[in-house]
Protein backbone atom coordinates (compact mmCIF):
# COMPACT_ATOMS: atom_id res chain seq x y z
CA MET A 1 242.06 148.97 279.24
CA LYS A 2 240.81 149.85 282.70
CA HIS A 3 242.29 152.94 284.28
CA THR A 4 241.63 154.58 287.65
CA TYR A 5 241.97 158.34 288.03
CA ILE A 6 241.90 160.44 291.20
CA PRO A 7 239.96 163.64 290.43
CA LYS A 8 240.96 167.03 291.82
CA GLY A 9 238.69 169.77 293.20
CA VAL A 10 235.42 167.80 293.07
CA CYS A 11 233.25 165.68 295.36
CA SER A 12 233.97 162.40 293.58
CA ARG A 13 237.02 160.58 294.91
CA GLN A 14 237.78 158.20 292.06
CA ILE A 15 236.88 157.59 288.41
CA THR A 16 237.42 154.18 286.82
CA ILE A 17 237.20 153.97 283.04
CA ASP A 18 237.29 151.00 280.69
CA VAL A 19 238.33 151.89 277.13
CA GLU A 20 238.78 149.48 274.23
CA ASP A 21 239.95 150.55 270.75
CA GLY A 22 239.21 154.21 271.52
CA ILE A 23 235.62 153.48 272.62
CA ILE A 24 234.41 153.92 276.20
CA LYS A 25 233.06 150.64 277.58
CA SER A 26 232.27 151.84 281.12
CA VAL A 27 232.71 154.75 283.52
CA GLU A 28 232.33 154.46 287.29
CA PHE A 29 232.53 157.32 289.78
CA VAL A 30 233.12 156.83 293.50
CA GLY A 31 231.52 159.67 295.42
CA GLY A 32 230.02 162.80 293.94
CA CYS A 33 226.35 163.42 293.18
CA ALA A 34 225.08 159.90 292.51
CA GLY A 35 222.40 160.75 289.97
CA ASN A 36 224.57 163.14 287.99
CA THR A 37 227.62 160.89 287.86
CA ALA A 38 225.48 157.86 286.93
CA GLY A 39 223.87 159.86 284.13
CA VAL A 40 227.19 161.12 282.79
CA SER A 41 228.57 157.57 282.93
CA LYS A 42 225.68 156.16 280.89
CA LEU A 43 225.95 158.90 278.29
CA CYS A 44 229.64 158.14 277.72
CA VAL A 45 229.33 154.40 277.03
CA GLY A 46 229.78 153.56 273.35
CA ARG A 47 231.27 156.94 272.45
CA LYS A 48 234.74 157.74 271.18
CA VAL A 49 237.17 158.93 273.85
CA ASP A 50 238.10 162.05 271.86
CA ASP A 51 234.46 163.04 271.37
CA VAL A 52 233.73 162.82 275.10
CA ILE A 53 236.88 164.77 276.02
CA GLU A 54 235.83 167.56 273.67
CA LEU A 55 232.25 167.52 274.92
CA LEU A 56 233.00 167.57 278.66
CA ARG A 57 236.21 169.63 278.93
CA GLY A 58 235.60 172.92 280.69
CA THR A 59 232.25 172.00 282.30
CA GLN A 60 232.04 174.05 285.50
CA CYS A 61 230.52 173.23 288.88
CA ARG A 62 232.79 174.68 291.56
CA ASN A 63 236.49 175.29 292.08
CA GLY A 64 236.85 175.86 288.32
CA THR A 65 236.06 172.23 287.47
CA SER A 66 233.36 169.54 287.76
CA CYS A 67 233.04 165.76 287.74
CA PRO A 68 232.43 165.76 283.95
CA ASP A 69 235.48 168.04 283.46
CA GLN A 70 237.58 165.72 285.60
CA LEU A 71 236.33 162.77 283.54
CA SER A 72 237.75 164.49 280.45
CA TYR A 73 241.17 164.62 282.15
CA ALA A 74 240.83 160.97 283.19
CA LEU A 75 240.09 160.01 279.58
CA GLU A 76 243.03 162.06 278.34
CA GLU A 77 245.33 160.30 280.83
CA THR A 78 243.98 156.92 279.71
CA LYS A 79 244.74 157.82 276.08
CA GLU A 80 248.31 158.71 277.01
CA LEU A 81 248.79 155.40 278.82
CA VAL A 82 247.63 153.31 275.87
CA GLY A 83 249.57 155.43 273.38
CA ALA A 84 246.51 156.38 271.35
């Protein structure tokens, strides 16, 4: 399932995630630090949603959050939508 999330408090403006059977198929950030968000996206592919949420939650950059932290919230919201 593809889901688009609007992050809060970070430079990126949008995160689009594709999840199938609890596994992340793709992550795409719009905005933010291109190299960092591309790297985070690649590292997430093939991993379990719950593992990535646990790994990234609480990562700090500024404003008490970060693009990886916001990705954890996006994944959590995706889980809620699919009823996982």
